[in-house]
PDB file of N, CA and C in Angstrom:
ATOM      1  N   MET A   1       0.562  -1.279   0.100  1.00  0.00           N
ATOM      2  CA  MET A   1      -0.170  -0.027   0.339  1.00  0.00           C
ATOM      3  C   MET A   1       1.093   1.249   0.115  1.00  0.00           C
ATOM      4  N   GLU A   2       2.059   1.000   0.783  1.00  0.00           N
ATOM      5  CA  GLU A   2       2.883   2.404   0.544  1.00  0.00           C
ATOM      6  C   GLU A   2       3.518   2.470  -0.404  1.00  0.00           C
ATOM      7  N   VAL A   3       4.006   1.647  -0.858  1.00  0.00           N
ATOM      8  CA  VAL A   3       4.588   1.620  -2.644  1.00  0.00           C
ATOM      9  C   VAL A   3       3.663   2.349  -3.623  1.00  0.00           C
ATOM     10  N   LEU A   4       2.024   1.921  -3.342  1.00  0.00           N
ATOM     11  CA  LEU A   4       1.438   2.772  -4.279  1.00  0.00           C
ATOM     12  C   LEU A   4       0.936   3.679  -4.094  1.00  0.00           C
ATOM     13  N   ALA A   5       1.384   4.601  -2.751  1.00  0.00           N
ATOM     14  CA  ALA A   5       1.209   5.476  -2.467  1.00  0.00           C
ATOM     15  C   ALA A   5       2.145   6.545  -3.047  1.00  0.00           C
ATOM     16  N   GLY A   6       3.149   6.311  -2.621  1.00  0.00           N
ATOM     17  CA  GLY A   6       4.628   6.713  -3.311  1.00  0.00           C
ATOM     18  C   GLY A   6       4.570   6.846  -4.725  1.00  0.00           C
ATOM     19  N   VAL A   7       4.355   5.660  -5.612  1.00  0.00           N
ATOM     20  CA  VAL A   7       4.192   5.938  -6.879  1.00  0.00           C
ATOM     21  C   VAL A   7       2.904   6.930  -7.618  1.00  0.00           C
ATOM     22  N   ALA A   8       2.120   7.070  -6.752  1.00  0.00           N
ATOM     23  CA  ALA A   8       1.118   8.132  -7.307  1.00  0.00           C
ATOM     24  C   ALA A   8       1.809   9.220  -6.902  1.00  0.00           C
ATOM     25  N   LEU A   9       2.410   9.559  -6.019  1.00  0.00           N
ATOM     26  CA  LEU A   9       3.104  10.636  -5.379  1.00  0.00           C
ATOM     27  C   LEU A   9       3.729  11.083  -6.409  1.00  0.00           C
ATOM     28  N   ALA A  10       5.105  10.581  -6.859  1.00  0.00           N
ATOM     29  CA  ALA A  10       5.787  10.294  -7.953  1.00  0.00           C
ATOM     30  C   ALA A  10       4.851  10.593  -9.289  1.00  0.00           C
ATOM     31  N   LEU A  11       4.053   9.964  -9.572  1.00  0.00           N
ATOM     32  CA  LEU A  11       3.130  10.403 -10.923  1.00  0.00           C
ATOM     33  C   LEU A  11       3.065  11.885 -10.559  1.00  0.00           C
ATOM     34  N   ALA A  12       2.043  11.796 -10.108  1.00  0.00           N
ATOM     35  CA  ALA A  12       1.175  13.428  -9.556  1.00  0.00           C
ATOM     36  C   ALA A  12       2.608  14.524 -10.160  1.00  0.00           C
ATOM     37  N   PHE A  13       3.707  14.215  -9.360  1.00  0.00           N
ATOM     38  CA  PHE A  13       4.816  15.172  -9.231  1.00  0.00           C
ATOM     39  C   PHE A  13       5.231  15.840 -11.287  1.00  0.00           C
ATOM     40  N   ALA A  14       5.550  14.193 -11.467  1.00  0.00           N
ATOM     41  CA  ALA A  14       6.002  14.199 -12.906  1.00  0.00           C
ATOM     42  C   ALA A  14       4.539  15.040 -14.305  1.00  0.00           C
ATOM     43  N   LEU A  15       3.522  14.715 -13.421  1.00  0.00           N
ATOM     44  CA  LEU A  15       2.682  15.304 -14.202  1.00  0.00           C
ATOM     45  C   LEU A  15       2.526  16.671 -14.093  1.00  0.00           C
ATOM     46  N   THR A  16       2.588  17.056 -13.036  1.00  0.00           N
ATOM     47  CA  THR A  16       3.051  18.702 -12.969  1.00  0.00           C
ATOM     48  C   THR A  16       3.727  19.323 -13.160  1.00  0.00           C
ATOM     49  N   ALA A  17       4.961  18.714 -13.342  1.00  0.00           N
ATOM     50  CA  ALA A  17       6.223  19.290 -14.005  1.00  0.00           C
ATOM     51  C   ALA A  17       5.903  19.253 -15.213  1.00  0.00           C
ATOM     52  N   LEU A  18       5.455  18.227 -16.018  1.00  0.00           N
ATOM     53  CA  LEU A  18       5.198  18.463 -17.502  1.00  0.00           C
ATOM     54  C   LEU A  18       4.235  19.487 -17.857  1.00  0.00           C
ATOM     55  N   TRP A  19       3.561  19.528 -16.957  1.00  0.00           N
ATOM     56  CA  TRP A  19       2.231  20.317 -17.270  1.00  0.00           C
ATOM     57  C   TRP A  19       2.906  22.366 -17.144  1.00  0.00           C
ATOM     58  N   PHE A  20       4.195  22.150 -16.449  1.00  0.00           N
ATOM     59  CA  PHE A  20       4.159  23.154 -16.498  1.00  0.00           C
ATOM     60  C   PHE A  20       5.396  24.104 -17.195  1.00  0.00           C
ATOM     61  N   ALA A  21       5.982  22.878 -17.711  1.00  0.00           N
ATOM     62  CA  ALA A  21       6.918  22.959 -18.750  1.00  0.00           C
ATOM     63  C   ALA A  21       6.384  22.983 -19.988  1.00  0.00           C
ATOM     64  N   ALA A  22       5.043  22.575 -20.494  1.00  0.00           N
ATOM     65  CA  ALA A  22       4.140  22.669 -21.784  1.00  0.00           C
ATOM     66  C   ALA A  22       3.854  23.917 -22.016  1.00  0.00           C
ATOM     67  N   ARG A  23       3.025  24.637 -20.509  1.00  0.00           N
ATOM     68  CA  ARG A  23       3.089  26.237 -20.230  1.00  0.00           C
ATOM     69  C   ARG A  23       4.214  26.620 -21.223  1.00  0.00           C
ATOM     70  N   ALA A  24       5.420  26.611 -20.160  1.00  0.00           N
ATOM     71  CA  ALA A  24       6.408  27.935 -20.371  1.00  0.00           C
ATOM     72  C   ALA A  24       6.993  27.733 -21.843  1.00  0.00           C
ATOM     73  N   ALA A  25       6.637  26.402 -22.344  1.00  0.00           N
ATOM     74  CA  ALA A  25       6.847  26.133 -23.696  1.00  0.00           C
ATOM     75  C   ALA A  25       5.911  27.387 -24.892  1.00  0.00           C
ATOM     76  N   THR A  26       4.633  27.517 -24.468  1.00  0.00           N
ATOM     77  CA  THR A  26       3.526  28.019 -25.214  1.00  0.00           C
ATOM     78  C   THR A  26       3.459  28.899 -24.980  1.00  0.00           C
ATOM     79  N   THR A  27       4.256  29.905 -23.521  1.00  0.00           N
ATOM     80  CA  THR A  27       4.138  31.422 -23.483  1.00  0.00           C
ATOM     81  C   THR A  27       5.179  31.821 -24.012  1.00  0.00           C
ATOM     82  N   ILE A  28       4.535  33.860 -25.104  1.00  0.00           N
ATOM     83  CA  ILE A  28       5.091  34.079 -26.029  1.00  0.00           C
ATOM     84  C   ILE A  28       5.570  35.267 -24.893  1.00  0.00           C
ATOM     85  N   CYS A  29       5.091  35.803 -23.931  1.00  0.00           N
ATOM     86  CA  CYS A  29       4.984  36.404 -22.749  1.00  0.00           C
ATOM     87  C   CYS A  29       4.437  36.609 -22.058  1.00  0.00           C
ATOM     88  N   VAL A  30       4.930  37.114 -20.814  1.00  0.00           N
ATOM     89  CA  VAL A  30       3.715  37.338 -19.334  1.00  0.00           C
ATOM     90  C   VAL A  30       4.403  39.312 -19.450  1.00  0.00           C
ATOM     91  N   LEU A  31       3.225  39.726 -19.298  1.00  0.00           N
ATOM     92  CA  LEU A  31       3.054  40.961 -18.968  1.00  0.00           C
ATOM     93  C   LEU A  31       2.110  41.394 -17.489  1.00  0.00           C
ATOM     94  N   GLU A  32       3.066  42.292 -16.876  1.00  0.00           N
ATOM     95  CA  GLU A  32       2.244  42.939 -15.886  1.00  0.00           C
ATOM     96  C   GLU A  32       2.102  44.370 -15.888  1.00  0.00           C
ATOM     97  N   ILE A  33       1.103  44.570 -15.601  1.00  0.00           N
ATOM     98  CA  ILE A  33       0.352  46.147 -15.364  1.00  0.00           C
ATOM     99  C   ILE A  33      -0.161  46.399 -13.859  1.00  0.00           C
ATOM    100  N   GLU A  34       0.433  47.366 -13.642  1.00  0.00           N
ATOM    101  CA  GLU A  34       0.134  47.775 -12.580  1.00  0.00           C
ATOM    102  C   GLU A  34       0.495  49.563 -12.174  1.00  0.00           C
ATOM    103  N   LYS A  35      -1.352  50.417 -11.991  1.00  0.00           N
ATOM    104  CA  LYS A  35      -1.077  51.495 -12.314  1.00  0.00           C
ATOM    105  C   LYS A  35      -1.086  52.081 -13.478  1.00  0.00           C
ATOM    106  N   GLY A  36      -1.873  51.513 -14.607  1.00  0.00           N
ATOM    107  CA  GLY A  36      -1.999  51.769 -15.821  1.00  0.00           C
ATOM    108  C   GLY A  36      -0.249  51.595 -16.648  1.00  0.00           C
ATOM    109  N   LYS A  37       0.865  51.034 -15.847  1.00  0.00           N
ATOM    110  CA  LYS A  37       2.365  50.830 -16.571  1.00  0.00           C
ATOM    111  C   LYS A  37       2.272  49.604 -16.723  1.00  0.00           C
ATOM    112  N   LEU A  38       2.928  49.504 -18.070  1.00  0.00           N
ATOM    113  CA  LEU A  38       3.767  47.841 -18.487  1.00  0.00           C
ATOM    114  C   LEU A  38       4.672  47.806 -18.302  1.00  0.00           C
ATOM    115  N   ARG A  39       4.670  46.805 -17.862  1.00  0.00           N
ATOM    116  CA  ARG A  39       6.166  45.963 -17.938  1.00  0.00           C
ATOM    117  C   ARG A  39       6.333  44.842 -18.560  1.00  0.00           C
ATOM    118  N   VAL A  40       7.190  44.055 -19.485  1.00  0.00           N
ATOM    119  CA  VAL A  40       7.021  42.815 -19.817  1.00  0.00           C
ATOM    120  C   VAL A  40       8.671  41.825 -18.723  1.00  0.00           C
ATOM    121  N   ALA A  41       7.366  41.042 -18.134  1.00  0.00           N
ATOM    122  CA  ALA A  41       7.909  40.233 -17.393  1.00  0.00           C
ATOM    123  C   ALA A  41       8.794  39.307 -17.701  1.00  0.00           C
ATOM    124  N   SER A  42       8.509  38.309 -18.820  1.00  0.00           N
ATOM    125  CA  SER A  42       9.357  37.704 -19.570  1.00  0.00           C
ATOM    126  C   SER A  42       8.703  37.443 -20.531  1.00  0.00           C
ATOM    127  N   GLY A  43      10.097  37.023 -21.750  1.00  0.00           N
ATOM    128  CA  GLY A  43       9.803  37.449 -23.350  1.00  0.00           C
ATOM    129  C   GLY A  43       9.700  38.075 -23.808  1.00  0.00           C
ATOM    130  N   ALA A  44       9.389  38.368 -24.974  1.00  0.00           N
ATOM    131  CA  ALA A  44       9.352  39.746 -25.969  1.00  0.00           C
ATOM    132  C   ALA A  44       7.866  39.854 -26.793  1.00  0.00           C
ATOM    133  N   LEU A  45       7.693  40.571 -27.248  1.00  0.00           N
ATOM    134  CA  LEU A  45       6.415  41.316 -27.517  1.00  0.00           C
ATOM    135  C   LEU A  45       6.958  42.053 -28.472  1.00  0.00           C
ATOM    136  N   ALA A  46       6.533  42.128 -30.117  1.00  0.00           N
ATOM    137  CA  ALA A  46       7.066  43.257 -30.902  1.00  0.00           C
ATOM    138  C   ALA A  46       6.367  44.532 -30.191  1.00  0.00           C
ATOM    139  N   PRO A  47       7.986  45.467 -30.822  1.00  0.00           N
ATOM    140  CA  PRO A  47       6.834  46.923 -30.546  1.00  0.00           C
ATOM    141  C   PRO A  47       6.012  47.515 -30.806  1.00  0.00           C
ATOM    142  N   ARG A  48       5.515  47.331 -31.951  1.00  0.00           N
ATOM    143  CA  ARG A  48       4.232  47.850 -32.686  1.00  0.00           C
ATOM    144  C   ARG A  48       3.437  46.987 -31.575  1.00  0.00           C
ATOM    145  N   VAL A  49       2.657  46.185 -31.265  1.00  0.00           N
ATOM    146  CA  VAL A  49       1.879  45.734 -30.537  1.00  0.00           C
ATOM    147  C   VAL A  49       1.942  46.192 -29.043  1.00  0.00           C
ATOM    148  N   LEU A  50       3.544  46.000 -28.184  1.00  0.00           N
ATOM    149  CA  LEU A  50       3.542  46.524 -27.266  1.00  0.00           C
ATOM    150  C   LEU A  50       3.224  47.716 -27.119  1.00  0.00           C
ATOM    151  N   ASP A  51       3.439  48.711 -28.108  1.00  0.00           N
ATOM    152  CA  ASP A  51       2.357  50.124 -27.846  1.00  0.00           C
ATOM    153  C   ASP A  51       1.245  50.184 -27.881  1.00  0.00           C
ATOM    154  N   ASP A  52       0.859  49.344 -28.718  1.00  0.00           N
ATOM    155  CA  ASP A  52      -0.933  49.144 -28.562  1.00  0.00           C
ATOM    156  C   ASP A  52      -1.683  48.705 -27.526  1.00  0.00           C
ATOM    157  N   VAL A  53      -1.020  47.645 -26.673  1.00  0.00           N
ATOM    158  CA  VAL A  53      -1.057  47.489 -25.500  1.00  0.00           C
ATOM    159  C   VAL A  53      -0.760  48.547 -24.158  1.00  0.00           C
ATOM    160  N   ARG A  54       0.527  48.962 -24.286  1.00  0.00           N
ATOM    161  CA  ARG A  54       0.305  50.072 -23.608  1.00  0.00           C
ATOM    162  C   ARG A  54      -1.104  51.014 -23.542  1.00  0.00           C
ATOM    163  N   ASP A  55      -0.929  51.575 -24.866  1.00  0.00           N
ATOM    164  CA  ASP A  55      -2.463  52.117 -25.015  1.00  0.00           C
ATOM    165  C   ASP A  55      -3.533  51.959 -24.627  1.00  0.00           C
ATOM    166  N   ILE A  56      -4.375  50.345 -24.575  1.00  0.00           N
ATOM    167  CA  ILE A  56      -5.085  49.506 -23.926  1.00  0.00           C
ATOM    168  C   ILE A  56      -5.554  50.208 -22.593  1.00  0.00           C
ATOM    169  N   VAL A  57      -4.316  49.835 -22.080  1.00  0.00           N
ATOM    170  CA  VAL A  57      -4.350  49.532 -20.301  1.00  0.00           C
ATOM    171  C   VAL A  57      -4.180  51.057 -20.158  1.00  0.00           C
ATOM    172  N   LYS A  58      -3.887  52.739 -20.635  1.00  0.00           N
ATOM    173  CA  LYS A  58      -3.577  53.577 -19.897  1.00  0.00           C
ATOM    174  C   LYS A  58      -5.195  54.213 -19.709  1.00  0.00           C
ATOM    175  N   ARG A  59      -6.307  53.888 -20.528  1.00  0.00           N
ATOM    176  CA  ARG A  59      -7.525  54.224 -20.749  1.00  0.00           C
ATOM    177  C   ARG A  59      -8.407  53.291 -20.364  1.00  0.00           C
ATOM    178  N   PRO A  60      -9.508  53.383 -19.633  1.00  0.00           N
ATOM    179  CA  PRO A  60      -9.091  53.663 -18.690  1.00  0.00           C
ATOM    180  C   PRO A  60      -8.266  52.963 -17.864  1.00  0.00           C
ATOM    181  N   LYS A  61      -7.048  53.763 -16.407  1.00  0.00           N
ATOM    182  CA  LYS A  61      -5.534  53.300 -16.415  1.00  0.00           C
ATOM    183  C   LYS A  61      -6.437  51.781 -15.483  1.00  0.00           C
ATOM    184  N   VAL A  62      -5.696  50.611 -16.414  1.00  0.00           N
ATOM    185  CA  VAL A  62      -5.458  49.238 -15.123  1.00  0.00           C
ATOM    186  C   VAL A  62      -4.589  49.505 -13.748  1.00  0.00           C
ATOM    187  N   THR A  63      -5.704  49.426 -12.964  1.00  0.00           N
ATOM    188  CA  THR A  63      -4.756  49.191 -11.276  1.00  0.00           C
ATOM    189  C   THR A  63      -3.824  47.953 -11.449  1.00  0.00           C
ATOM    190  N   TRP A  64      -3.853  46.705 -11.437  1.00  0.00           N
ATOM    191  CA  TRP A  64      -3.501  45.784 -11.542  1.00  0.00           C
ATOM    192  C   TRP A  64      -4.047  44.305 -12.771  1.00  0.00           C
ATOM    193  N   ALA A  65      -2.833  44.224 -13.432  1.00  0.00           N
ATOM    194  CA  ALA A  65      -3.293  42.636 -14.410  1.00  0.00           C
ATOM    195  C   ALA A  65      -1.942  42.019 -14.269  1.00  0.00           C
ATOM    196  N   ILE A  66      -1.965  40.829 -14.663  1.00  0.00           N
ATOM    197  CA  ILE A  66      -0.921  40.091 -15.807  1.00  0.00           C
ATOM    198  C   ILE A  66      -1.591  39.096 -17.127  1.00  0.00           C
ATOM    199  N   VAL A  67      -0.892  39.854 -17.806  1.00  0.00           N
ATOM    200  CA  VAL A  67      -1.132  39.255 -19.486  1.00  0.00           C
ATOM    201  C   VAL A  67      -0.349  38.185 -19.382  1.00  0.00           C
ATOM    202  N   ARG A  68      -1.159  36.860 -20.096  1.00  0.00           N
ATOM    203  CA  ARG A  68      -0.007  36.174 -20.344  1.00  0.00           C
ATOM    204  C   ARG A  68      -0.405  36.190 -21.751  1.00  0.00           C
ATOM    205  N   VAL A  69      -0.303  35.981 -22.738  1.00  0.00           N
ATOM    206  CA  VAL A  69       0.390  35.816 -24.042  1.00  0.00           C
ATOM    207  C   VAL A  69       0.768  34.358 -24.729  1.00  0.00           C
ATOM    208  N   LEU A  70      -0.164  33.747 -25.216  1.00  0.00           N
ATOM    209  CA  LEU A  70       0.129  32.084 -25.598  1.00  0.00           C
ATOM    210  C   LEU A  70      -0.006  31.754 -26.889  1.00  0.00           C
ATOM    211  N   ARG A  71       0.514  31.009 -27.331  1.00  0.00           N
ATOM    212  CA  ARG A  71       0.910  30.535 -29.165  1.00  0.00           C
ATOM    213  C   ARG A  71      -0.572  29.476 -29.143  1.00  0.00           C
ATOM    214  N   ALA A  72      -1.588  29.979 -30.203  1.00  0.00           N
ATOM    215  CA  ALA A  72      -2.583  28.973 -30.468  1.00  0.00           C
ATOM    216  C   ALA A  72      -2.335  29.271 -31.626  1.00  0.00           C
ATOM    217  N   LYS A  73      -2.577  27.986 -32.750  1.00  0.00           N
ATOM    218  CA  LYS A  73      -2.432  28.103 -34.364  1.00  0.00           C
ATOM    219  C   LYS A  73      -1.424  28.821 -34.539  1.00  0.00           C
ATOM    220  N   GLU A  74      -2.123  29.427 -35.738  1.00  0.00           N
ATOM    221  CA  GLU A  74      -1.193  31.182 -36.127  1.00  0.00           C
ATOM    222  C   GLU A  74      -1.212  31.933 -35.927  1.00  0.00           C
ATOM    223  N   HIS A  75      -2.088  32.158 -34.486  1.00  0.00           N
ATOM    224  CA  HIS A  75      -2.269  33.553 -34.013  1.00  0.00           C
ATOM    225  C   HIS A  75      -1.991  33.718 -32.571  1.00  0.00           C
ATOM    226  N   GLY A  76      -1.905  34.698 -31.371  1.00  0.00           N
ATOM    227  CA  GLY A  76      -1.925  34.277 -30.126  1.00  0.00           C
ATOM    228  C   GLY A  76      -3.328  34.429 -29.427  1.00  0.00           C
ATOM    229  N   ARG A  77      -3.254  33.808 -28.471  1.00  0.00           N
ATOM    230  CA  ARG A  77      -4.642  33.999 -27.360  1.00  0.00           C
ATOM    231  C   ARG A  77      -3.517  34.855 -26.127  1.00  0.00           C
ATOM    232  N   VAL A  78      -4.304  35.358 -25.933  1.00  0.00           N
ATOM    233  CA  VAL A  78      -4.635  36.000 -24.332  1.00  0.00           C
ATOM    234  C   VAL A  78      -5.184  35.261 -22.865  1.00  0.00           C
ATOM    235  N   GLU A  79      -4.683  35.326 -21.851  1.00  0.00           N
ATOM    236  CA  GLU A  79      -4.959  34.795 -20.490  1.00  0.00           C
ATOM    237  C   GLU A  79      -4.901  36.001 -19.691  1.00  0.00           C
ATOM    238  N   VAL A  80      -5.589  36.571 -18.991  1.00  0.00           N
ATOM    239  CA  VAL A  80      -5.565  37.461 -18.359  1.00  0.00           C
ATOM    240  C   VAL A  80      -5.955  37.147 -16.436  1.00  0.00           C
ATOM    241  N   LYS A  81      -5.511  37.797 -15.684  1.00  0.00           N
ATOM    242  CA  LYS A  81      -6.065  37.822 -14.592  1.00  0.00           C
ATOM    243  C   LYS A  81      -5.720  39.598 -13.811  1.00  0.00           C
ATOM    244  N   GLY A  82      -6.875  40.082 -13.385  1.00  0.00           N
ATOM    245  CA  GLY A  82      -6.380  41.340 -12.951  1.00  0.00           C
ATOM    246  C   GLY A  82      -7.884  42.134 -13.158  1.00  0.00           C
ATOM    247  N   GLU A  83      -7.390  43.266 -13.338  1.00  0.00           N
ATOM    248  CA  GLU A  83      -8.623  44.051 -12.923  1.00  0.00           C
ATOM    249  C   GLU A  83      -8.762  45.120 -14.622  1.00  0.00           C
ATOM    250  N   LEU A  84      -9.460  44.615 -15.866  1.00  0.00           N
ATOM    251  CA  LEU A  84      -9.836  45.146 -17.233  1.00  0.00           C
ATOM    252  C   LEU A  84     -11.072  44.969 -17.417  1.00  0.00           C
ATOM    253  N   THR A  85     -11.375  45.857 -18.223  1.00  0.00           N
ATOM    254  CA  THR A  85     -12.915  46.225 -18.402  1.00  0.00           C
ATOM    255  C   THR A  85     -12.945  45.151 -19.039  1.00  0.00           C
ATOM    256  N   LYS A  86     -14.240  45.067 -19.466  1.00  0.00           N
ATOM    257  CA  LYS A  86     -14.799  44.339 -20.558  1.00  0.00           C
ATOM    258  C   LYS A  86     -14.147  44.447 -22.013  1.00  0.00           C
ATOM    259  N   ASP A  87     -14.325  45.939 -22.334  1.00  0.00           N
ATOM    260  CA  ASP A  87     -13.731  46.866 -23.345  1.00  0.00           C
ATOM    261  C   ASP A  87     -12.108  46.275 -23.887  1.00  0.00           C
ATOM    262  N   GLN A  88     -11.459  46.723 -22.569  1.00  0.00           N
ATOM    263  CA  GLN A  88      -9.899  46.404 -22.439  1.00  0.00           C
ATOM    264  C   GLN A  88      -9.663  45.132 -23.036  1.00  0.00           C
ATOM    265  N   LEU A  89     -10.256  43.717 -22.326  1.00  0.00           N
ATOM    266  CA  LEU A  89     -10.085  42.411 -22.665  1.00  0.00           C
ATOM    267  C   LEU A  89     -10.237  42.509 -24.019  1.00  0.00           C
ATOM    268  N   GLN A  90     -11.183  42.774 -24.865  1.00  0.00           N
ATOM    269  CA  GLN A  90     -11.403  42.310 -26.212  1.00  0.00           C
ATOM    270  C   GLN A  90     -10.729  43.281 -26.721  1.00  0.00           C
ATOM    271  N   GLN A  91     -10.881  44.403 -26.369  1.00  0.00           N
ATOM    272  CA  GLN A  91      -9.387  45.273 -27.565  1.00  0.00           C
ATOM    273  C   GLN A  91      -7.984  44.391 -27.127  1.00  0.00           C
ATOM    274  N   LEU A  92      -7.549  43.931 -25.993  1.00  0.00           N
ATOM    275  CA  LEU A  92      -6.419  43.492 -25.984  1.00  0.00           C
ATOM    276  C   LEU A  92      -6.442  41.858 -27.119  1.00  0.00           C
ATOM    277  N   ARG A  93      -7.578  40.718 -26.846  1.00  0.00           N
ATOM    278  CA  ARG A  93      -7.629  40.143 -27.661  1.00  0.00           C
ATOM    279  C   ARG A  93      -7.649  40.376 -29.217  1.00  0.00           C
ATOM    280  N   ASN A  94      -8.466  41.487 -29.588  1.00  0.00           N
ATOM    281  CA  ASN A  94      -8.316  41.743 -30.793  1.00  0.00           C
ATOM    282  C   ASN A  94      -6.918  42.320 -31.394  1.00  0.00           C
ATOM    283  N   VAL A  95      -6.105  42.879 -30.356  1.00  0.00           N
ATOM    284  CA  VAL A  95      -4.961  42.986 -30.955  1.00  0.00           C
ATOM    285  C   VAL A  95      -3.901  42.363 -31.218  1.00  0.00           C
ATOM    286  N   ILE A  96      -4.024  40.973 -30.551  1.00  0.00           N
ATOM    287  CA  ILE A  96      -3.163  40.361 -29.988  1.00  0.00           C
ATOM    288  C   ILE A  96      -3.529  38.750 -31.190  1.00  0.00           C
ATOM    289  N   GLY A  97      -4.899  38.683 -31.239  1.00  0.00           N
ATOM    290  CA  GLY A  97      -5.124  37.838 -32.328  1.00  0.00           C
ATOM    291  C   GLY A  97      -5.333  38.157 -33.383  1.00  0.00           C
ATOM    292  N   SER A  98      -5.141  39.359 -34.019  1.00  0.00           N
ATOM    293  CA  SER A  98      -5.186  39.754 -35.113  1.00  0.00           C
ATOM    294  C   SER A  98      -4.033  39.818 -35.609  1.00  0.00           C
ATOM    295  N   THR A  99      -2.558  39.518 -35.180  1.00  0.00           N
ATOM    296  CA  THR A  99      -1.413  39.661 -35.732  1.00  0.00           C
ATOM    297  C   THR A  99      -0.629  38.201 -35.771  1.00  0.00           C
ATOM    298  N   PRO A 100      -0.273  37.801 -36.629  1.00  0.00           N
ATOM    299  CA  PRO A 100       0.282  36.688 -36.584  1.00  0.00           C
ATOM    300  C   PRO A 100       1.571  36.492 -35.671  1.00  0.00           C
ATOM    301  N   LEU A 101       1.909  35.147 -35.382  1.00  0.00           N
ATOM    302  CA  LEU A 101       2.438  34.764 -34.285  1.00  0.00           C
ATOM    303  C   LEU A 101       4.222  35.210 -34.836  1.00  0.00           C
ATOM    304  N   ALA A 102       4.698  35.056 -36.296  1.00  0.00           N
ATOM    305  CA  ALA A 102       6.066  35.096 -36.213  1.00  0.00           C
ATOM    306  C   ALA A 102       6.248  37.388 -36.236  1.00  0.00           C
ATOM    307  N   LYS A 103       4.872  37.553 -36.324  1.00  0.00           N
ATOM    308  CA  LYS A 103       5.410  39.017 -35.898  1.00  0.00           C
ATOM    309  C   LYS A 103       5.119  39.626 -34.470  1.00  0.00           C
ATOM    310  N   LEU A 104       3.899  38.735 -34.205  1.00  0.00           N
ATOM    311  CA  LEU A 104       3.486  38.722 -32.495  1.00  0.00           C
ATOM    312  C   LEU A 104       5.188  38.901 -31.823  1.00  0.00           C
ATOM    313  N   ALA A 105       5.489  38.354 -31.995  1.00  0.00           N
ATOM    314  CA  ALA A 105       7.236  38.309 -30.532  1.00  0.00           C
ATOM    315  C   ALA A 105       8.239  39.092 -31.736  1.00  0.00           C
ATOM    316  N   GLY A 106       8.176  39.379 -32.555  1.00  0.00           N
ATOM    317  CA  GLY A 106       9.346  39.679 -33.577  1.00  0.00           C
ATOM    318  C   GLY A 106      10.135  39.219 -33.952  1.00  0.00           C
ATOM    319  N   ILE A 107       9.655  37.888 -34.402  1.00  0.00           N
ATOM    320  CA  ILE A 107      10.682  37.204 -35.024  1.00  0.00           C
ATOM    321  C   ILE A 107      10.967  37.087 -36.251  1.00  0.00           C
ATOM    322  N   ARG A 108      12.564  37.482 -36.714  1.00  0.00           N
ATOM    323  CA  ARG A 108      12.493  37.592 -38.277  1.00  0.00           C
ATOM    324  C   ARG A 108      12.979  36.195 -38.823  1.00  0.00           C
ATOM    325  N   LYS A 109      12.992  35.551 -40.135  1.00  0.00           N
ATOM    326  CA  LYS A 109      13.145  34.554 -40.873  1.00  0.00           C
ATOM    327  C   LYS A 109      14.457  34.609 -41.218  1.00  0.00           C
ATOM    328  N   LYS A 110      15.356  33.722 -40.607  1.00  0.00           N
ATOM    329  CA  LYS A 110      16.404  34.115 -41.423  1.00  0.00           C
ATOM    330  C   LYS A 110      17.065  34.088 -43.092  1.00  0.00           C
ATOM    331  N   ALA A 111      17.577  34.336 -43.821  1.00  0.00           N
ATOM    332  CA  ALA A 111      17.763  34.487 -45.154  1.00  0.00           C
ATOM    333  C   ALA A 111      18.433  32.966 -45.588  1.00  0.00           C
TER     334      ALA A 111
END
């Protein structure tokens, strides 16, 4: 019985580690917003897209939020935790979702 509990615990730990690794592999960037100021916590975002996001979170000023930009097929997908209005959330989805993945992270193809 103790062996079975040990195996179950090891399996749970392995699956948790796999979930975190898969999530990190699909994350383009993480943005932190505090008092209307935007900071790239990890990853990268194209300057044009970053400027658009800055404009969105300034009006009305977002007091706190974390925005995670994820890969989804040919475009990005947004996950948000925090205090954004419905309009701001939709604007973020529009900006991120309408930009192709290659342009979203500012990746350039090698010639």
